[in-house]
Amino acid sequence: MDNITFHQITKCFGRLRALDEVSLTLNSSCAMLLAGPNGAGKSTLINILLGLYLPDGGEIHVDGLCIPIDNKLKARMGYLPESVAFSENLSGWAMMSFFAHARGIGRNRMHEVMERIGLSHASRRAISSYSKGMRQRLALGISVLHEPEVLILDEPTSGLDQEGLGVLWSLLDEWREKGRLILISSHDLGILEKRVDKFCILRAGSVVACDEPPALRRQASLPVKVRFTLKEDSSGQADFIEGLRGHFPSLQIIQDGCSIRIEMQSERIVDLMASAFSNEHPLIESMRVTEPEMENIYEHLLMSA
């Protein structure tokens, strides 16, 4: 499967227009993150892809063909729901066996997945003894048990510790390498920013922005933060600051001892560096540039749309 395209998908619940002509494309070897406030339409879009809702308008195309979400297509999908509920008295192995039997999957694959999600040591224990993170890992393992071409994850980082996050990152990398499609819905933008390829931001059922993180940064055009650490030379520090103000009259410069903090547009960073390092014997000990975090970009794009 190379791509899935939502073309002008509309869904209404009574007078509520949950999705309003939403168009976006999932591509192979790509992880897309759906972001947006509660009620933005993320879950509705996922439920339409899973075949749980029928759209009131628009079409879903798979590899260019308009097809229904039938059982044949559903069999090619893996789904991790936001809220996972298991039978508490069953063991992790018994729970996985139930899903494996339903899909005709053998014990070797089950052992492989249990090892992969780090639960081999606890596979025979009752799920009632599992922590939230262990339950989340078990659910993640079940979602990839049949090696689906399309992996749909709803709040996958919930409850995961560093070990669990490592399992999740490894699976995302594997699915990309094998040319599969990944759709993630999450509010945890900061931790997922470097783990996904595209962000699709929804608000009130409409797409606000959909692109790769660098493109969204350019679209938001938020200032970057620059921090210089200077040597302890009070007269030299004053000259350094005056030199910067001479080149950038409107620049706001905050000094705290030997630390100089500046906020400016990213396209001016090269000019700033040329000015700062023009002295043959610079006072600069270090320089750090911090780009705006994805949460800030997300909030800005939501407010300005």
Protein backbone atom coordinates (compact mmCIF):
# COMPACT_ATOMS: atom_id res chain seq x y z
CA MET A 1 0.00 0.00 0.00
CA ASP A 2 1.51 3.30 -1.11
CA ASN A 3 -0.98 5.87 0.14
CA ILE A 4 -4.40 6.59 1.62
CA THR A 5 -6.10 9.86 0.71
CA PHE A 6 -9.00 11.48 2.53
CA HIS A 7 -10.73 13.63 -0.07
CA GLN A 8 -13.09 16.32 1.28
CA ILE A 9 -14.34 14.10 4.10
CA THR A 10 -17.38 15.50 5.90
CA LYS A 11 -19.12 14.03 8.94
CA CYS A 12 -22.06 15.45 10.87
CA PHE A 13 -23.69 14.40 14.11
CA GLY A 14 -27.00 16.20 14.05
CA ARG A 15 -26.17 19.89 13.76
CA LEU A 16 -22.55 19.32 14.75
CA ARG A 17 -20.19 19.28 11.79
CA ALA A 18 -17.42 17.11 13.22
CA LEU A 19 -15.41 17.10 9.95
CA ASP A 20 -15.71 19.76 7.28
CA GLU A 21 -14.26 18.71 3.91
CA VAL A 22 -11.02 17.37 5.37
CA SER A 23 -8.40 16.42 2.78
CA LEU A 24 -5.03 14.84 3.57
CA THR A 25 -2.83 11.99 2.36
CA LEU A 26 -0.97 9.28 4.29
CA ASN A 27 2.09 8.01 2.43
CA SER A 28 4.18 4.90 2.84
CA SER A 29 7.33 5.18 4.99
CA CYS A 30 5.75 8.20 6.66
CA ALA A 31 4.35 8.81 10.14
CA MET A 32 1.68 11.52 10.35
CA LEU A 33 0.58 13.05 13.64
CA LEU A 34 -2.98 14.32 14.03
CA ALA A 35 -3.02 17.19 16.52
CA GLY A 36 -5.77 19.48 17.73
CA PRO A 37 -7.84 20.40 20.78
CA ASN A 38 -10.58 18.14 22.09
CA GLY A 39 -13.47 18.09 19.63
CA ALA A 40 -11.26 18.98 16.66
CA GLY A 41 -12.28 15.83 14.76
CA LYS A 42 -9.23 13.59 15.28
CA SER A 43 -11.14 10.61 16.66
CA THR A 44 -13.89 11.00 14.08
CA LEU A 45 -11.35 10.86 11.25
CA ILE A 46 -9.74 7.75 12.74
CA ASN A 47 -13.12 6.08 13.20
CA ILE A 48 -13.94 6.73 9.55
CA LEU A 49 -10.64 5.13 8.49
CA LEU A 50 -11.44 2.14 10.73
CA GLY A 51 -14.87 1.81 9.12
CA LEU A 52 -16.70 2.57 12.38
CA TYR A 53 -18.33 5.69 10.90
CA LEU A 54 -19.49 6.33 7.37
CA PRO A 55 -18.68 9.81 6.05
CA ASP A 56 -21.57 12.06 5.01
CA GLY A 57 -19.48 13.41 2.17
CA GLY A 58 -16.15 12.87 0.45
CA GLU A 59 -14.20 9.77 -0.47
CA ILE A 60 -11.30 7.63 0.73
CA HIS A 61 -8.82 6.58 -1.94
CA VAL A 62 -6.32 3.74 -1.47
CA ASP A 63 -3.50 3.83 -4.01
CA GLY A 64 -5.63 6.10 -6.18
CA LEU A 65 -8.76 3.94 -6.10
CA CYS A 66 -11.97 4.92 -4.31
CA ILE A 67 -12.84 1.88 -2.22
CA PRO A 68 -15.05 1.15 0.82
CA ILE A 69 -13.59 0.38 4.22
CA ASP A 70 -14.51 -3.31 4.14
CA ASN A 71 -13.21 -6.29 6.11
CA LYS A 72 -10.50 -6.95 3.54
CA LEU A 73 -9.07 -3.47 4.03
CA LYS A 74 -9.56 -3.56 7.81
CA ALA A 75 -7.44 -6.73 7.94
CA ARG A 76 -4.51 -4.65 6.66
CA MET A 77 -4.79 -2.24 9.60
CA GLY A 78 -3.53 -2.33 13.17
CA TYR A 79 -5.13 -0.14 15.84
CA LEU A 80 -4.06 0.96 19.30
CA PRO A 81 -7.04 2.67 21.01
CA GLU A 82 -6.67 5.51 23.49
CA SER A 83 -8.32 3.54 26.30
CA VAL A 84 -7.20 -0.07 26.57
CA ALA A 85 -9.34 -2.56 28.51
CA PHE A 86 -8.26 -6.16 29.09
CA SER A 87 -9.68 -9.08 31.08
CA GLU A 88 -7.89 -8.64 34.39
CA ASN A 89 -7.85 -12.34 35.29
CA LEU A 90 -6.15 -13.40 32.05
CA SER A 91 -2.39 -13.44 31.57
CA GLY A 92 -0.70 -11.28 28.96
CA TRP A 93 0.03 -14.43 26.95
CA ALA A 94 -3.61 -15.56 27.07
CA MET A 95 -4.80 -12.13 25.98
CA MET A 96 -2.41 -12.06 23.06
CA SER A 97 -3.36 -15.66 22.18
CA PHE A 98 -6.98 -14.60 21.82
CA PHE A 99 -6.11 -12.01 19.18
CA ALA A 100 -3.52 -14.26 17.53
CA HIS A 101 -6.07 -17.06 17.13
CA ALA A 102 -8.59 -14.65 15.60
CA ARG A 103 -6.01 -13.68 12.95
CA GLY A 104 -4.48 -17.13 12.42
CA ILE A 105 -1.11 -16.14 13.87
CA GLY A 106 1.25 -18.78 15.26
CA ARG A 107 3.14 -19.03 18.56
CA ASN A 108 6.49 -18.09 17.03
CA ARG A 109 5.19 -14.66 16.08
CA MET A 110 3.65 -14.27 19.54
CA HIS A 111 6.98 -15.06 21.20
CA GLU A 112 8.70 -12.61 18.85
CA VAL A 113 6.27 -9.80 19.72
CA MET A 114 6.39 -10.50 23.47
CA GLU A 115 10.18 -10.26 23.32
CA ARG A 116 9.97 -7.10 21.23
CA ILE A 117 7.68 -5.28 23.67
CA GLY A 118 9.76 -6.44 26.67
CA LEU A 119 7.05 -8.53 28.34
CA SER A 120 8.43 -12.05 27.94
CA HIS A 121 9.30 -12.16 31.64
CA ALA A 122 5.73 -11.21 32.59
CA SER A 123 3.77 -12.96 29.85
CA ARG A 124 2.31 -15.59 32.22
CA ARG A 125 1.34 -13.10 34.92
CA ALA A 126 -2.23 -11.88 35.31
CA ILE A 127 -2.88 -8.56 33.62
CA SER A 128 -4.25 -7.30 36.96
CA SER A 129 -0.62 -7.17 38.13
CA TYR A 130 0.51 -5.09 35.14
CA SER A 131 1.34 -1.42 35.44
CA LYS A 132 -0.29 1.09 33.09
CA GLY A 133 2.85 1.15 30.94
CA MET A 134 2.94 -2.66 30.70
CA ARG A 135 -0.71 -2.71 29.60
CA GLN A 136 0.07 -0.08 26.99
CA ARG A 137 2.98 -2.16 25.69
CA LEU A 138 0.77 -5.26 25.54
CA ALA A 139 -1.83 -3.32 23.55
CA LEU A 140 0.89 -2.00 21.24
CA GLY A 141 2.17 -5.55 20.70
CA ILE A 142 -1.33 -6.79 19.86
CA SER A 143 -1.80 -3.95 17.36
CA VAL A 144 1.29 -5.02 15.39
CA LEU A 145 0.87 -8.77 15.86
CA HIS A 146 -0.30 -9.34 12.27
CA GLU A 147 2.25 -6.85 10.83
CA PRO A 148 -0.36 -4.46 9.42
CA GLU A 149 0.36 -2.22 6.46
CA VAL A 150 -1.41 0.67 8.21
CA LEU A 151 -0.70 1.34 11.89
CA ILE A 152 -3.15 3.65 13.70
CA LEU A 153 -2.11 4.77 17.19
CA ASP A 154 -4.33 6.86 19.48
CA GLU A 155 -2.31 8.50 22.31
CA PRO A 156 0.41 5.80 22.11
CA THR A 157 2.75 7.44 24.64
CA SER A 158 0.19 7.29 27.47
CA GLY A 159 1.70 5.68 30.55
CA LEU A 160 4.96 4.67 28.88
CA ASP A 161 8.26 5.01 30.73
CA GLN A 162 11.61 5.34 28.94
CA GLU A 163 11.75 1.61 28.23
CA GLY A 164 8.25 1.67 26.79
CA LEU A 165 9.00 4.74 24.69
CA GLY A 166 12.06 2.95 23.35
CA VAL A 167 9.81 0.08 22.22
CA LEU A 168 7.44 2.54 20.53
CA TRP A 169 10.25 4.41 18.73
CA SER A 170 11.73 1.11 17.54
CA LEU A 171 8.40 -0.02 16.09
CA LEU A 172 7.84 3.32 14.35
CA ASP A 173 11.30 3.08 12.79
CA GLU A 174 10.62 -0.50 11.65
CA TRP A 175 7.29 0.39 10.08
CA ARG A 176 8.90 3.27 8.17
CA GLU A 177 11.76 1.09 6.95
CA LYS A 178 9.27 -1.48 5.64
CA GLY A 179 7.37 1.18 3.70
CA ARG A 180 4.22 1.09 5.81
CA LEU A 181 1.81 3.87 6.77
CA ILE A 182 1.49 5.31 10.28
CA LEU A 183 -1.23 7.60 11.65
CA ILE A 184 -0.89 8.88 15.22
CA SER A 185 -3.31 10.98 17.24
CA SER A 186 -1.77 12.64 20.29
CA HIS A 187 -1.58 15.74 22.46
CA ASP A 188 2.03 14.90 23.34
CA LEU A 189 3.59 17.00 20.58
CA GLY A 190 6.93 17.70 22.22
CA ILE A 191 7.95 14.07 22.66
CA LEU A 192 6.67 13.04 19.23
CA GLU A 193 8.01 15.98 17.22
CA LYS A 194 11.21 14.22 16.18
CA ARG A 195 9.48 10.86 15.72
CA VAL A 196 6.98 11.81 13.02
CA ASP A 197 7.38 13.11 9.47
CA LYS A 198 4.29 15.30 9.15
CA PHE A 199 1.88 17.15 11.41
CA CYS A 200 -1.79 17.66 10.54
CA ILE A 201 -3.41 20.22 12.83
CA LEU A 202 -7.21 20.15 13.08
CA ARG A 203 -9.56 22.66 14.64
CA ALA A 204 -13.36 22.44 14.68
CA GLY A 205 -13.33 19.78 11.98
CA SER A 206 -11.09 21.62 9.53
CA VAL A 207 -7.42 21.31 8.61
CA VAL A 208 -5.48 24.31 9.91
CA ALA A 209 -2.08 23.17 8.64
CA CYS A 210 -0.58 19.95 7.32
CA ASP A 211 3.13 19.70 6.53
CA GLU A 212 6.56 18.64 7.73
CA PRO A 213 7.85 20.30 10.95
CA PRO A 214 10.40 22.59 9.18
CA ALA A 215 7.68 23.88 6.85
CA LEU A 216 5.34 24.52 9.79
CA ARG A 217 8.13 26.45 11.52
CA ARG A 218 8.49 28.66 8.46
CA GLN A 219 4.73 29.11 8.26
CA ALA A 220 4.48 30.15 11.93
CA SER A 221 7.53 32.43 11.60
CA LEU A 222 8.10 32.52 15.35
CA PRO A 223 11.36 34.00 16.65
CA VAL A 224 14.27 31.80 17.67
CA LYS A 225 16.14 32.29 20.93
CA VAL A 226 19.86 33.02 20.87
CA ARG A 227 22.04 32.88 23.97
CA PHE A 228 25.65 34.04 24.14
CA THR A 229 27.93 33.29 27.08
CA LEU A 230 30.67 35.93 27.32
CA LYS A 231 33.99 36.09 29.10
CA GLU A 232 34.10 38.14 32.28
CA ASP A 233 35.21 41.46 30.80
CA SER A 234 32.73 44.19 31.71
CA SER A 235 34.08 46.80 29.28
CA GLY A 236 34.30 44.25 26.50
CA GLN A 237 30.75 43.09 27.18
CA ALA A 238 29.44 46.64 26.86
CA ASP A 239 31.27 47.09 23.55
CA PHE A 240 29.91 43.74 22.32
CA ILE A 241 26.32 44.71 23.09
CA GLU A 242 26.70 48.16 21.54
CA GLY A 243 28.12 46.54 18.43
CA LEU A 244 25.09 44.30 18.12
CA ARG A 245 22.73 47.23 18.63
CA GLY A 246 24.55 49.13 15.94
CA HIS A 247 23.86 46.37 13.42
CA PHE A 248 20.38 45.51 14.74
CA PRO A 249 18.79 48.69 16.16
CA SER A 250 15.41 47.08 16.93
CA LEU A 251 16.88 44.02 18.61
CA GLN A 252 15.87 43.37 22.22
CA ILE A 253 18.92 42.29 24.19
CA ILE A 254 18.68 40.98 27.75
CA GLN A 255 21.88 40.75 29.77
CA ASP A 256 22.24 38.67 32.92
CA GLY A 257 25.85 38.77 34.03
CA CYS A 258 27.88 37.04 31.35
CA SER A 259 24.78 35.75 29.59
CA ILE A 260 23.21 37.62 26.65
CA ARG A 261 19.74 36.56 25.47
CA ILE A 262 18.17 37.60 22.17
CA GLU A 263 14.99 36.72 20.26
CA MET A 264 14.94 37.23 16.50
CA GLN A 265 13.66 35.78 13.22
CA SER A 266 15.61 32.75 12.07
CA GLU A 267 16.53 34.26 8.69
CA ARG A 268 18.63 36.90 10.51
CA ILE A 269 20.77 34.39 12.43
CA VAL A 270 23.55 34.35 9.82
CA ASP A 271 23.85 38.16 9.93
CA LEU A 272 23.89 38.03 13.74
CA MET A 273 26.73 35.50 13.74
CA ALA A 274 28.71 37.52 11.22
CA SER A 275 28.39 40.57 13.46
CA ALA A 276 29.05 38.74 16.75
CA PHE A 277 32.19 36.95 15.52
CA SER A 278 33.66 39.85 13.53
CA ASN A 279 36.11 40.74 16.34
CA GLU A 280 39.53 39.13 16.01
CA HIS A 281 39.51 38.39 19.75
CA PRO A 282 35.84 37.70 20.51
CA LEU A 283 34.51 37.59 24.04
CA ILE A 284 32.14 34.76 23.14
CA GLU A 285 32.66 31.51 25.01
CA SER A 286 29.59 29.80 23.63
CA MET A 287 26.51 30.42 21.51
CA ARG A 288 23.25 28.47 21.59
CA VAL A 289 20.30 28.79 19.19
CA THR A 290 16.95 27.33 20.29
CA GLU A 291 14.12 26.96 17.81
CA PRO A 292 10.51 27.38 19.00
CA GLU A 293 9.04 24.15 20.32
CA MET A 294 6.28 22.42 18.39
CA GLU A 295 3.76 23.21 21.14
CA ASN A 296 4.36 26.94 20.52
CA ILE A 297 4.05 26.51 16.76
CA TYR A 298 0.86 24.48 17.23
CA GLU A 299 -0.71 27.13 19.47
CA HIS A 300 0.29 29.93 17.12
CA LEU A 301 -1.15 28.21 14.04
CA LEU A 302 -4.37 27.41 15.88
CA MET A 303 -4.82 31.01 17.02
CA SER A 304 -3.90 32.60 13.70
CA ALA A 305 -6.04 30.34 11.48
